[in-house]
C-alpha atoms as a PDB file:
ATOM      1  CA  MET A   1     -39.820   2.900 -11.954  1.00  0.00           C
ATOM      2  CA  ASP A   2     -39.536   3.460  -8.226  1.00  0.00           C
ATOM      3  CA  ALA A   3     -36.809   0.830  -7.933  1.00  0.00           C
ATOM      4  CA  THR A   4     -34.876   2.452 -10.789  1.00  0.00           C
ATOM      5  CA  LEU A   5     -35.158   5.859  -9.151  1.00  0.00           C
ATOM      6  CA  VAL A   6     -33.963   4.479  -5.824  1.00  0.00           C
ATOM      7  CA  LEU A   7     -31.005   2.802  -7.549  1.00  0.00           C
ATOM      8  CA  ILE A   8     -30.045   6.051  -9.287  1.00  0.00           C
ATOM      9  CA  LEU A   9     -30.236   7.973  -6.012  1.00  0.00           C
ATOM     10  CA  VAL A  10     -28.126   5.358  -4.242  1.00  0.00           C
ATOM     11  CA  VAL A  11     -25.435   5.417  -6.936  1.00  0.00           C
ATOM     12  CA  ALA A  12     -25.402   9.228  -6.933  1.00  0.00           C
ATOM     13  CA  ALA A  13     -25.100   9.379  -3.139  1.00  0.00           C
ATOM     14  CA  ILE A  14     -22.271   6.853  -3.103  1.00  0.00           C
ATOM     15  CA  ALA A  15     -20.452   8.751  -5.854  1.00  0.00           C
ATOM     16  CA  ALA A  16     -20.868  12.037  -3.967  1.00  0.00           C
ATOM     17  CA  ALA A  17     -19.564  10.516  -0.731  1.00  0.00           C
ATOM     18  CA  ALA A  18     -16.601   8.993  -2.570  1.00  0.00           C
ATOM     19  CA  ALA A  19     -15.835  12.330  -4.242  1.00  0.00           C
ATOM     20  CA  VAL A  20     -15.897  14.144  -0.905  1.00  0.00           C
ATOM     21  CA  PHE A  21     -13.617  11.525   0.606  1.00  0.00           C
ATOM     22  CA  VAL A  22     -11.114  11.720  -2.268  1.00  0.00           C
ATOM     23  CA  VAL A  23     -11.045  15.519  -2.219  1.00  0.00           C
ATOM     24  CA  ILE A  24     -10.471  15.650   1.518  1.00  0.00           C
ATOM     25  CA  GLN A  25      -7.951  12.835   1.456  1.00  0.00           C
ATOM     26  CA  PHE A  26      -5.728  13.856  -1.438  1.00  0.00           C
ATOM     27  CA  ALA A  27      -6.412  17.493  -2.264  1.00  0.00           C
ATOM     28  CA  GLY A  28      -5.868  18.860   1.222  1.00  0.00           C
ATOM     29  CA  GLU A  29      -2.621  20.460   2.164  1.00  0.00           C
ATOM     30  CA  SER A  30      -0.145  18.580   4.333  1.00  0.00           C
ATOM     31  CA  SER A  31      -0.706  19.186   8.008  1.00  0.00           C
ATOM     32  CA  GLY A  32       1.309  18.722  11.209  1.00  0.00           C
ATOM     33  CA  VAL A  33       5.063  18.449  11.086  1.00  0.00           C
ATOM     34  CA  ARG A  34       5.346  18.002   7.314  1.00  0.00           C
ATOM     35  CA  GLY A  35       3.467  21.232   6.683  1.00  0.00           C
ATOM     36  CA  GLN A  36       5.627  23.056   9.197  1.00  0.00           C
ATOM     37  CA  MET A  37       8.767  21.723   7.511  1.00  0.00           C
ATOM     38  CA  LYS A  38       7.616  23.310   4.258  1.00  0.00           C
ATOM     39  CA  ASN A  39       7.368  26.647   6.063  1.00  0.00           C
ATOM     40  CA  ILE A  40      10.920  26.244   7.361  1.00  0.00           C
ATOM     41  CA  VAL A  41      12.240  25.444   3.883  1.00  0.00           C
ATOM     42  CA  ALA A  42      10.401  28.444   2.424  1.00  0.00           C
ATOM     43  CA  SER A  43      11.865  30.732   5.080  1.00  0.00           C
ATOM     44  CA  GLN A  44      15.374  29.449   4.375  1.00  0.00           C
ATOM     45  CA  ARG A  45      14.987  30.019   0.647  1.00  0.00           C
ATOM     46  CA  GLU A  46      13.906  33.598   1.274  1.00  0.00           C
ATOM     47  CA  ALA A  47      16.976  34.078   3.443  1.00  0.00           C
ATOM     48  CA  LYS A  48      19.249  33.194   0.512  1.00  0.00           C
ATOM     49  CA  ARG A  49      17.845  35.852  -1.811  1.00  0.00           C
ATOM     50  CA  GLY A  50      19.696  38.863  -0.483  1.00  0.00           C
ATOM     51  CA  PHE A  51      22.360  39.964   1.983  1.00  0.00           C
ATOM     52  CA  PHE A  52      20.482  42.929   3.462  1.00  0.00           C
ATOM     53  CA  GLY A  53      17.489  40.876   4.493  1.00  0.00           C
ATOM     54  CA  LEU A  54      19.587  38.078   5.947  1.00  0.00           C
ATOM     55  CA  ARG A  55      19.162  39.076   9.595  1.00  0.00           C
ATOM     56  CA  GLU A  56      15.405  39.488   9.327  1.00  0.00           C
ATOM     57  CA  ASN A  57      15.005  36.272   7.372  1.00  0.00           C
ATOM     58  CA  GLY A  58      17.280  34.415   9.778  1.00  0.00           C
ATOM     59  CA  THR A  59      14.999  35.499  12.590  1.00  0.00           C
ATOM     60  CA  SER A  60      12.054  34.277  10.529  1.00  0.00           C
ATOM     61  CA  ILE A  61      13.673  30.850  10.128  1.00  0.00           C
ATOM     62  CA  PHE A  62      14.279  30.573  13.863  1.00  0.00           C
ATOM     63  CA  LYS A  63      10.718  31.701  14.593  1.00  0.00           C
ATOM     64  CA  THR A  64       9.318  29.135  12.158  1.00  0.00           C
ATOM     65  CA  ALA A  65      11.435  26.409  13.724  1.00  0.00           C
ATOM     66  CA  GLN A  66      10.216  27.373  17.180  1.00  0.00           C
ATOM     67  CA  GLU A  67       6.621  27.242  15.972  1.00  0.00           C
ATOM     68  CA  SER A  68       7.283  23.773  14.569  1.00  0.00           C
ATOM     69  CA  ARG A  69       7.716  22.251  18.000  1.00  0.00           C
ATOM     70  CA  VAL A  70       5.660  19.150  18.379  1.00  0.00           C
ATOM     71  CA  GLU A  71       4.272  18.099  21.728  1.00  0.00           C
ATOM     72  CA  ARG A  72       4.025  14.332  21.855  1.00  0.00           C
ATOM     73  CA  LYS A  73       0.663  13.178  23.109  1.00  0.00           C
ATOM     74  CA  THR A  74       1.095  10.611  25.883  1.00  0.00           C
ATOM     75  CA  SER A  75      -2.591  10.034  26.532  1.00  0.00           C
ATOM     76  CA  ALA A  76      -3.552   6.391  26.110  1.00  0.00           C
ATOM     77  CA  ARG A  77      -7.080   7.261  25.026  1.00  0.00           C
ATOM     78  CA  LEU A  78      -7.527   6.548  21.326  1.00  0.00           C
ATOM     79  CA  THR A  79      -9.856   9.332  20.228  1.00  0.00           C
ATOM     80  CA  MET A  80     -11.390   9.639  16.787  1.00  0.00           C
ATOM     81  CA  ARG A  81      -9.058  12.529  15.940  1.00  0.00           C
ATOM     82  CA  LYS A  82      -6.048  10.338  16.745  1.00  0.00           C
ATOM     83  CA  ARG A  83      -7.425   7.432  14.746  1.00  0.00           C
ATOM     84  CA  LEU A  84      -7.875   9.662  11.705  1.00  0.00           C
ATOM     85  CA  LYS A  85      -4.323  10.932  12.175  1.00  0.00           C
ATOM     86  CA  PHE A  86      -2.908   7.404  12.457  1.00  0.00           C
ATOM     87  CA  ALA A  87      -4.770   6.392   9.289  1.00  0.00           C
ATOM     88  CA  GLN A  88      -3.542   9.542   7.468  1.00  0.00           C
ATOM     89  CA  TRP A  89      -7.101  10.613   6.670  1.00  0.00           C
ATOM     90  CA  LYS A  90      -7.015  14.386   6.368  1.00  0.00           C
ATOM     91  CA  MET A  91     -10.548  15.063   7.539  1.00  0.00           C
ATOM     92  CA  PRO A  92     -12.099  16.334  10.775  1.00  0.00           C
ATOM     93  CA  PRO A  93     -14.123  13.921  12.919  1.00  0.00           C
ATOM     94  CA  VAL A  94     -17.316  15.747  11.923  1.00  0.00           C
ATOM     95  CA  VAL A  95     -16.857  14.782   8.261  1.00  0.00           C
ATOM     96  CA  PHE A  96     -16.179  11.192   9.299  1.00  0.00           C
ATOM     97  CA  ARG A  97     -19.441  11.129  11.264  1.00  0.00           C
ATOM     98  CA  LEU A  98     -21.318  12.603   8.312  1.00  0.00           C
ATOM     99  CA  LEU A  99     -20.000   9.843   6.057  1.00  0.00           C
ATOM    100  CA  GLU A 100     -21.168   7.257   8.588  1.00  0.00           C
ATOM    101  CA  VAL A 101     -24.641   8.783   8.701  1.00  0.00           C
ATOM    102  CA  SER A 102     -24.822   9.049   4.895  1.00  0.00           C
ATOM    103  CA  ILE A 103     -23.972   5.385   4.358  1.00  0.00           C
ATOM    104  CA  SER A 104     -26.469   4.343   7.034  1.00  0.00           C
ATOM    105  CA  LEU A 105     -29.227   6.404   5.413  1.00  0.00           C
ATOM    106  CA  ILE A 106     -28.485   4.868   2.015  1.00  0.00           C
ATOM    107  CA  ALA A 107     -28.632   1.358   3.493  1.00  0.00           C
ATOM    108  CA  LEU A 108     -31.859   2.217   5.317  1.00  0.00           C
ATOM    109  CA  ALA A 109     -33.423   3.550   2.116  1.00  0.00           C
ATOM    110  CA  ILE A 110     -32.635   0.284   0.324  1.00  0.00           C
ATOM    111  CA  THR A 111     -33.764  -2.082   3.078  1.00  0.00           C
ATOM    112  CA  SER A 112     -36.964  -0.173   3.877  1.00  0.00           C
ATOM    113  CA  SER A 113     -38.471  -1.241   0.553  1.00  0.00           C
ATOM    114  CA  TYR A 114     -37.757  -4.962   0.746  1.00  0.00           C
ATOM    115  CA  PHE A 115     -36.984  -6.075   4.318  1.00  0.00           C
ATOM    116  CA  ASN A 116     -38.628  -6.098   7.735  1.00  0.00           C
ATOM    117  CA  ILE A 117     -38.036  -3.733  10.639  1.00  0.00           C
ATOM    118  CA  ALA A 118     -35.275  -5.887  12.186  1.00  0.00           C
ATOM    119  CA  ILE A 119     -33.045  -5.721   9.116  1.00  0.00           C
ATOM    120  CA  GLN A 120     -33.873  -2.037   8.716  1.00  0.00           C
ATOM    121  CA  ALA A 121     -32.603  -1.437  12.257  1.00  0.00           C
ATOM    122  CA  ILE A 122     -29.431  -3.409  11.536  1.00  0.00           C
ATOM    123  CA  SER A 123     -28.907  -1.435   8.317  1.00  0.00           C
ATOM    124  CA  CYS A 124     -28.582   1.736  10.406  1.00  0.00           C
ATOM    125  CA  LEU A 125     -25.301   0.305  11.722  1.00  0.00           C
ATOM    126  CA  THR A 126     -23.893  -0.162   8.216  1.00  0.00           C
ATOM    127  CA  GLY A 127     -22.222   3.264   8.120  1.00  0.00           C
ATOM    128  CA  PRO A 128     -20.342   3.018  11.447  1.00  0.00           C
ATOM    129  CA  ILE A 129     -19.336  -0.612  10.853  1.00  0.00           C
ATOM    130  CA  PHE A 130     -18.068   0.000   7.314  1.00  0.00           C
ATOM    131  CA  MET A 131     -16.241   3.267   8.093  1.00  0.00           C
ATOM    132  CA  ARG A 132     -14.630   1.876  11.263  1.00  0.00           C
ATOM    133  CA  TRP A 133     -13.522  -1.210   9.344  1.00  0.00           C
ATOM    134  CA  LEU A 134     -11.999   0.961   6.627  1.00  0.00           C
ATOM    135  CA  LEU A 135     -10.321   3.221   9.197  1.00  0.00           C
ATOM    136  CA  ASN A 136      -8.839   0.259  11.073  1.00  0.00           C
ATOM    137  CA  LEU A 137      -7.641  -1.180   7.767  1.00  0.00           C
ATOM    138  CA  PHE A 138      -5.647   1.974   6.977  1.00  0.00           C
ATOM    139  CA  MET A 139      -4.265   2.139  10.527  1.00  0.00           C
ATOM    140  CA  ASP A 140      -3.223  -1.506  10.413  1.00  0.00           C
ATOM    141  CA  ARG A 141      -1.599  -1.021   7.020  1.00  0.00           C
ATOM    142  CA  ARG A 142       0.669   1.739   8.375  1.00  0.00           C
ATOM    143  CA  PHE A 143       1.347  -0.311  11.502  1.00  0.00           C
ATOM    144  CA  LYS A 144       2.496  -3.298   9.445  1.00  0.00           C
ATOM    145  CA  ALA A 145       4.607  -1.107   7.146  1.00  0.00           C
ATOM    146  CA  PHE A 146       6.405   0.352  10.173  1.00  0.00           C
ATOM    147  CA  ASP A 147       6.645  -2.880  12.159  1.00  0.00           C
ATOM    148  CA  LYS A 148       8.198  -4.729   9.224  1.00  0.00           C
ATOM    149  CA  ASP A 149      11.489  -2.779   9.367  1.00  0.00           C
ATOM    150  CA  TYR A 150      11.417  -1.520  12.963  1.00  0.00           C
ATOM    151  CA  PRO A 151      13.345  -4.391  14.676  1.00  0.00           C
ATOM    152  CA  GLN A 152      15.886  -4.487  11.847  1.00  0.00           C
ATOM    153  CA  MET A 153      16.516  -0.758  12.214  1.00  0.00           C
ATOM    154  CA  ILE A 154      16.991  -1.013  15.996  1.00  0.00           C
ATOM    155  CA  LEU A 155      19.427  -3.926  15.717  1.00  0.00           C
ATOM    156  CA  SER A 156      21.381  -2.087  13.027  1.00  0.00           C
ATOM    157  CA  LEU A 157      21.443   1.010  15.241  1.00  0.00           C
ATOM    158  CA  VAL A 158      22.716  -1.034  18.192  1.00  0.00           C
ATOM    159  CA  GLY A 159      25.564  -2.418  16.106  1.00  0.00           C
ATOM    160  CA  LEU A 160      26.579   1.050  14.918  1.00  0.00           C
ATOM    161  CA  LEU A 161      26.428   2.480  18.444  1.00  0.00           C
ATOM    162  CA  LYS A 162      28.735  -0.256  19.720  1.00  0.00           C
ATOM    163  CA  THR A 163      31.322   0.835  17.153  1.00  0.00           C
ATOM    164  CA  GLY A 164      31.401   4.276  18.794  1.00  0.00           C
ATOM    165  CA  MET A 165      29.275   6.299  16.379  1.00  0.00           C
ATOM    166  CA  ASN A 166      27.222   9.304  17.446  1.00  0.00           C
ATOM    167  CA  PRO A 167      23.550   8.335  18.045  1.00  0.00           C
ATOM    168  CA  MET A 168      22.177  10.690  15.390  1.00  0.00           C
ATOM    169  CA  ALA A 169      24.809   9.674  12.836  1.00  0.00           C
ATOM    170  CA  ALA A 170      24.212   6.014  13.650  1.00  0.00           C
ATOM    171  CA  LEU A 171      20.464   6.526  13.306  1.00  0.00           C
ATOM    172  CA  GLU A 172      20.914   8.115   9.887  1.00  0.00           C
ATOM    173  CA  ALA A 173      23.231   5.310   8.778  1.00  0.00           C
ATOM    174  CA  ALA A 174      20.758   2.685   9.999  1.00  0.00           C
ATOM    175  CA  ALA A 175      18.000   4.371   8.004  1.00  0.00           C
ATOM    176  CA  GLN A 176      20.127   4.331   4.859  1.00  0.00           C
ATOM    177  CA  GLY A 177      20.346   0.558   5.155  1.00  0.00           C
ATOM    178  CA  LEU A 178      16.571   0.202   4.757  1.00  0.00           C
ATOM    179  CA  ASP A 179      14.695  -0.015   1.481  1.00  0.00           C
ATOM    180  CA  GLU A 180      13.812   3.167  -0.371  1.00  0.00           C
ATOM    181  CA  GLY A 181      10.304   4.220   0.610  1.00  0.00           C
ATOM    182  CA  ALA A 182      10.276   2.279   3.896  1.00  0.00           C
ATOM    183  CA  LEU A 183       8.113   3.995   6.500  1.00  0.00           C
ATOM    184  CA  VAL A 184      10.764   3.727   9.231  1.00  0.00           C
ATOM    185  CA  ARG A 185      13.312   5.339   6.941  1.00  0.00           C
ATOM    186  CA  GLU A 186      10.939   8.186   6.085  1.00  0.00           C
ATOM    187  CA  GLU A 187      10.303   8.910   9.775  1.00  0.00           C
ATOM    188  CA  ILE A 188      14.027   8.933  10.591  1.00  0.00           C
ATOM    189  CA  GLU A 189      14.830  11.203   7.652  1.00  0.00           C
ATOM    190  CA  LEU A 190      12.045  13.554   8.715  1.00  0.00           C
ATOM    191  CA  MET A 191      13.409  13.668  12.262  1.00  0.00           C
ATOM    192  CA  ILE A 192      16.940  14.426  11.047  1.00  0.00           C
ATOM    193  CA  THR A 193      15.586  17.117   8.717  1.00  0.00           C
ATOM    194  CA  ARG A 194      13.851  18.777  11.658  1.00  0.00           C
ATOM    195  CA  LEU A 195      17.123  18.814  13.574  1.00  0.00           C
ATOM    196  CA  ARG A 196      19.000  20.359  10.652  1.00  0.00           C
ATOM    197  CA  TYR A 197      16.454  23.159  10.321  1.00  0.00           C
ATOM    198  CA  GLY A 198      16.724  24.211  13.940  1.00  0.00           C
ATOM    199  CA  VAL A 199      13.839  22.448  15.653  1.00  0.00           C
ATOM    200  CA  PRO A 200      14.890  21.637  19.257  1.00  0.00           C
ATOM    201  CA  GLU A 201      16.278  18.168  19.725  1.00  0.00           C
ATOM    202  CA  ASP A 202      13.712  16.949  22.253  1.00  0.00           C
ATOM    203  CA  LYS A 203      10.856  18.123  20.021  1.00  0.00           C
ATOM    204  CA  SER A 204      12.355  16.542  16.911  1.00  0.00           C
ATOM    205  CA  ILE A 205      12.939  13.200  18.592  1.00  0.00           C
ATOM    206  CA  GLY A 206       9.592  13.372  20.376  1.00  0.00           C
ATOM    207  CA  ALA A 207       7.754  13.727  17.064  1.00  0.00           C
ATOM    208  CA  PHE A 208       9.233  10.491  15.700  1.00  0.00           C
ATOM    209  CA  GLY A 209       6.417   8.237  14.529  1.00  0.00           C
ATOM    210  CA  GLU A 210       3.741  10.522  15.953  1.00  0.00           C
ATOM    211  CA  ASP A 211       1.233   9.521  13.255  1.00  0.00           C
ATOM    212  CA  ILE A 212       1.770   5.745  13.577  1.00  0.00           C
ATOM    213  CA  TYR A 213      -0.139   3.599  16.055  1.00  0.00           C
ATOM    214  CA  HIS A 214       2.678   1.391  17.374  1.00  0.00           C
ATOM    215  CA  PRO A 215       3.218   0.476  21.055  1.00  0.00           C
ATOM    216  CA  GLU A 216       7.040   0.437  20.960  1.00  0.00           C
ATOM    217  CA  ILE A 217       7.605   3.865  19.404  1.00  0.00           C
ATOM    218  CA  GLU A 218       7.235   5.666  22.731  1.00  0.00           C
ATOM    219  CA  LEU A 219       9.845   3.382  24.337  1.00  0.00           C
ATOM    220  CA  PHE A 220      12.309   4.106  21.543  1.00  0.00           C
ATOM    221  CA  VAL A 221      11.707   7.850  21.809  1.00  0.00           C
ATOM    222  CA  GLN A 222      12.139   7.894  25.590  1.00  0.00           C
ATOM    223  CA  ALA A 223      15.349   5.863  25.313  1.00  0.00           C
ATOM    224  CA  LEU A 224      16.817   8.400  22.873  1.00  0.00           C
ATOM    225  CA  LEU A 225      15.740  11.380  24.972  1.00  0.00           C
ATOM    226  CA  LEU A 226      17.114   9.957  28.226  1.00  0.00           C
ATOM    227  CA  SER A 227      20.379   9.065  26.530  1.00  0.00           C
ATOM    228  CA  ARG A 228      20.763  12.604  25.186  1.00  0.00           C
ATOM    229  CA  ARG A 229      19.956  14.177  28.563  1.00  0.00           C
ATOM    230  CA  VAL A 230      21.585  11.961  31.193  1.00  0.00           C
ATOM    231  CA  GLY A 231      23.816   9.705  29.113  1.00  0.00           C
ATOM    232  CA  GLY A 232      24.052   5.969  29.664  1.00  0.00           C
ATOM    233  CA  THR A 233      24.505   2.928  27.485  1.00  0.00           C
ATOM    234  CA  LEU A 234      21.938   3.489  24.772  1.00  0.00           C
ATOM    235  CA  SER A 235      23.017   0.379  22.878  1.00  0.00           C
ATOM    236  CA  ASP A 236      22.077  -1.953  25.755  1.00  0.00           C
ATOM    237  CA  THR A 237      18.686  -0.286  26.172  1.00  0.00           C
ATOM    238  CA  LEU A 238      17.889  -0.503  22.476  1.00  0.00           C
ATOM    239  CA  GLU A 239      19.077  -4.102  22.336  1.00  0.00           C
ATOM    240  CA  ARG A 240      16.564  -5.047  25.033  1.00  0.00           C
ATOM    241  CA  LEU A 241      13.910  -3.062  23.169  1.00  0.00           C
ATOM    242  CA  ALA A 242      14.693  -4.947  19.951  1.00  0.00           C
ATOM    243  CA  LYS A 243      14.239  -8.258  21.777  1.00  0.00           C
ATOM    244  CA  GLN A 244      10.894  -7.076  23.118  1.00  0.00           C
ATOM    245  CA  VAL A 245       9.755  -6.031  19.638  1.00  0.00           C
ATOM    246  CA  ARG A 246      10.774  -9.423  18.253  1.00  0.00           C
ATOM    247  CA  LYS A 247       8.875 -11.245  21.004  1.00  0.00           C
ATOM    248  CA  ARG A 248       5.781  -9.138  20.460  1.00  0.00           C
ATOM    249  CA  GLN A 249       5.912  -9.864  16.733  1.00  0.00           C
ATOM    250  CA  TYR A 250       6.170 -13.591  17.465  1.00  0.00           C
ATOM    251  CA  PHE A 251       3.221 -13.544  19.878  1.00  0.00           C
ATOM    252  CA  ARG A 252       1.167 -11.448  17.457  1.00  0.00           C
ATOM    253  CA  ASN A 253       1.762 -13.845  14.572  1.00  0.00           C
ATOM    254  CA  SER A 254       1.060 -16.852  16.811  1.00  0.00           C
ATOM    255  CA  ALA A 255      -2.226 -15.331  18.001  1.00  0.00           C
ATOM    256  CA  LYS A 256      -3.321 -14.569  14.446  1.00  0.00           C
ATOM    257  CA  ALA A 257      -2.495 -18.116  13.378  1.00  0.00           C
ATOM    258  CA  ALA A 258      -4.452 -19.513  16.345  1.00  0.00           C
ATOM    259  CA  VAL A 259      -7.647 -17.600  15.570  1.00  0.00           C
ATOM    260  CA  GLY A 260      -7.246 -17.674  11.798  1.00  0.00           C
ATOM    261  CA  MET A 261      -8.803 -21.135  11.487  1.00  0.00           C
ATOM    262  CA  GLN A 262     -11.797 -20.095  13.583  1.00  0.00           C
ATOM    263  CA  ARG A 263     -12.313 -16.990  11.469  1.00  0.00           C
ATOM    264  CA  GLY A 264     -12.013 -18.985   8.293  1.00  0.00           C
ATOM    265  CA  SER A 265     -14.476 -21.619   9.510  1.00  0.00           C
ATOM    266  CA  ILE A 266     -17.390 -19.170   9.675  1.00  0.00           C
ATOM    267  CA  TRP A 267     -16.784 -18.087   6.077  1.00  0.00           C
ATOM    268  CA  PHE A 268     -16.524 -21.732   5.030  1.00  0.00           C
ATOM    269  CA  ILE A 269     -19.912 -22.421   6.640  1.00  0.00           C
ATOM    270  CA  VAL A 270     -21.445 -19.418   4.866  1.00  0.00           C
ATOM    271  CA  PHE A 271     -19.964 -20.621   1.580  1.00  0.00           C
ATOM    272  CA  ILE A 272     -21.500 -24.076   2.108  1.00  0.00           C
ATOM    273  CA  LEU A 273     -24.911 -22.527   2.842  1.00  0.00           C
ATOM    274  CA  VAL A 274     -24.781 -20.367  -0.279  1.00  0.00           C
ATOM    275  CA  GLY A 275     -23.666 -23.341  -2.359  1.00  0.00           C
ATOM    276  CA  MET A 276     -26.510 -25.506  -1.084  1.00  0.00           C
ATOM    277  CA  GLU A 277     -29.037 -22.764  -1.782  1.00  0.00           C
ATOM    278  CA  CYS A 278     -27.705 -22.284  -5.317  1.00  0.00           C
ATOM    279  CA  TYR A 279     -27.881 -26.036  -5.899  1.00  0.00           C
ATOM    280  CA  LEU A 280     -31.469 -26.134  -4.622  1.00  0.00           C
ATOM    281  CA  TYR A 281     -32.376 -23.203  -6.863  1.00  0.00           C
ATOM    282  CA  THR A 282     -30.880 -25.030  -9.852  1.00  0.00           C
ATOM    283  CA  VAL A 283     -32.606 -28.354  -9.127  1.00  0.00           C
ATOM    284  CA  TYR A 284     -35.956 -27.120  -7.816  1.00  0.00           C
ATOM    285  CA  PRO A 285     -36.311 -23.337  -8.414  1.00  0.00           C
ATOM    286  CA  GLU A 286     -40.016 -23.313  -7.460  1.00  0.00           C
ATOM    287  CA  ALA A 287     -39.133 -24.111  -3.848  1.00  0.00           C
ATOM    288  CA  VAL A 288     -36.862 -21.074  -3.534  1.00  0.00           C
ATOM    289  CA  LYS A 289     -39.102 -18.725  -5.481  1.00  0.00           C
ATOM    290  CA  GLY A 290     -42.146 -19.911  -3.547  1.00  0.00           C
ATOM    291  CA  ALA A 291     -40.432 -19.138  -0.236  1.00  0.00           C
ATOM    292  CA  TRP A 292     -39.586 -15.655  -1.476  1.00  0.00           C
ATOM    293  CA  ALA A 293     -43.141 -15.057  -2.676  1.00  0.00           C
ATOM    294  CA  ASP A 294     -44.792 -16.333   0.506  1.00  0.00           C
ATOM    295  CA  GLU A 295     -44.972 -13.760   3.317  1.00  0.00           C
ATOM    296  CA  PHE A 296     -44.086 -16.198   6.090  1.00  0.00           C
ATOM    297  CA  GLY A 297     -41.340 -17.791   3.996  1.00  0.00           C
ATOM    298  CA  TRP A 298     -39.775 -14.388   3.300  1.00  0.00           C
ATOM    299  CA  GLN A 299     -39.789 -13.633   7.037  1.00  0.00           C
ATOM    300  CA  VAL A 300     -37.980 -16.922   7.680  1.00  0.00           C
ATOM    301  CA  TRP A 301     -35.379 -15.997   5.063  1.00  0.00           C
ATOM    302  CA  GLN A 302     -34.817 -12.639   6.718  1.00  0.00           C
ATOM    303  CA  PHE A 303     -34.514 -14.228  10.160  1.00  0.00           C
ATOM    304  CA  GLY A 304     -31.865 -16.611   8.839  1.00  0.00           C
ATOM    305  CA  LEU A 305     -29.986 -13.708   7.278  1.00  0.00           C
ATOM    306  CA  ILE A 306     -30.007 -11.841  10.604  1.00  0.00           C
ATOM    307  CA  VAL A 307     -28.682 -14.897  12.461  1.00  0.00           C
ATOM    308  CA  ILE A 308     -25.859 -15.327   9.929  1.00  0.00           C
ATOM    309  CA  MET A 309     -24.844 -11.652  10.175  1.00  0.00           C
ATOM    310  CA  LEU A 310     -24.872 -11.750  13.981  1.00  0.00           C
ATOM    311  CA  GLY A 311     -22.784 -14.926  13.914  1.00  0.00           C
ATOM    312  CA  ILE A 312     -20.158 -13.370  11.651  1.00  0.00           C
ATOM    313  CA  PHE A 313     -20.024 -10.247  13.811  1.00  0.00           C
ATOM    314  CA  TRP A 314     -19.718 -12.272  17.021  1.00  0.00           C
ATOM    315  CA  VAL A 315     -16.904 -14.462  15.686  1.00  0.00           C
ATOM    316  CA  ARG A 316     -14.944 -11.412  14.546  1.00  0.00           C
ATOM    317  CA  GLN A 317     -15.377  -9.749  17.936  1.00  0.00           C
ATOM    318  CA  VAL A 318     -14.305 -12.870  19.833  1.00  0.00           C
ATOM    319  CA  THR A 319     -11.224 -13.408  17.667  1.00  0.00           C
ATOM    320  CA  LYS A 320     -10.173  -9.758  17.697  1.00  0.00           C
ATOM    321  CA  ILE A 321      -6.772  -9.812  19.416  1.00  0.00           C
ATOM    322  CA  ARG A 322      -4.497  -6.837  19.936  1.00  0.00           C
ATOM    323  CA  VAL A 323      -0.958  -7.811  21.013  1.00  0.00           C
END
């Protein structure tokens, strides 16, 4: 009865945490630049309703555009607030910490009934490890979606600039050549929309890719800003940037291929261990059940489980490469 009650409480807590996450993630209003763009559009629509209120509403549009200025953060420190922004999780860091604590408490409640103090201590790290893994997964997904079309867009932009096109017109044309729904195209269209609604040029360009964790975005932004301010051959600068992006992609893929076999080997070893244990349980189930029933045997099982978990964690930390 106690085990059933614990299971019900665990399922209810997980469902509540998932509901909170979904509500915060999808039911919240758009923030940042996209929310400000909605205010600009609303102000412009009000300006079209009547002639007598045109001057006042025009002032409102300009005021909204001025308020929509975005200061690009140049700090290299990757804070939790930035990580949540890069992952597009619309929640404050406090809620993220609460989810970590909740998952850890659930894991501790489960392990406290069946496992020793060592595994109970490790279970307290379940919340931070799981939530950080999920957060990094969402960040990496947006990074890959942007990085997939980024070099192609820059090379297309370089070709259009060499034909004599205006940088903004060339940028818009390069975006049109990408697939519908591509992240790079969405960011370029958002930047051009900001310019059309009166947001200053340096602020509009500076906000390009502000919610994507990519090392080459800042170089692209600075190249555009310097070209608009002091002139120069933007096509040559972007061509060198495109080569750098291509090289970084090559090194990143090579590094992942180099450590991929080592990462896969640990899972292969775990699979072999599980297979051997299942075979032993099938052939001689009394040996496995007897070890579980014996106090010393159960402690040995738990020690082996701890060693396996530490080994998996260590291999993932050693093979974690950021290019």
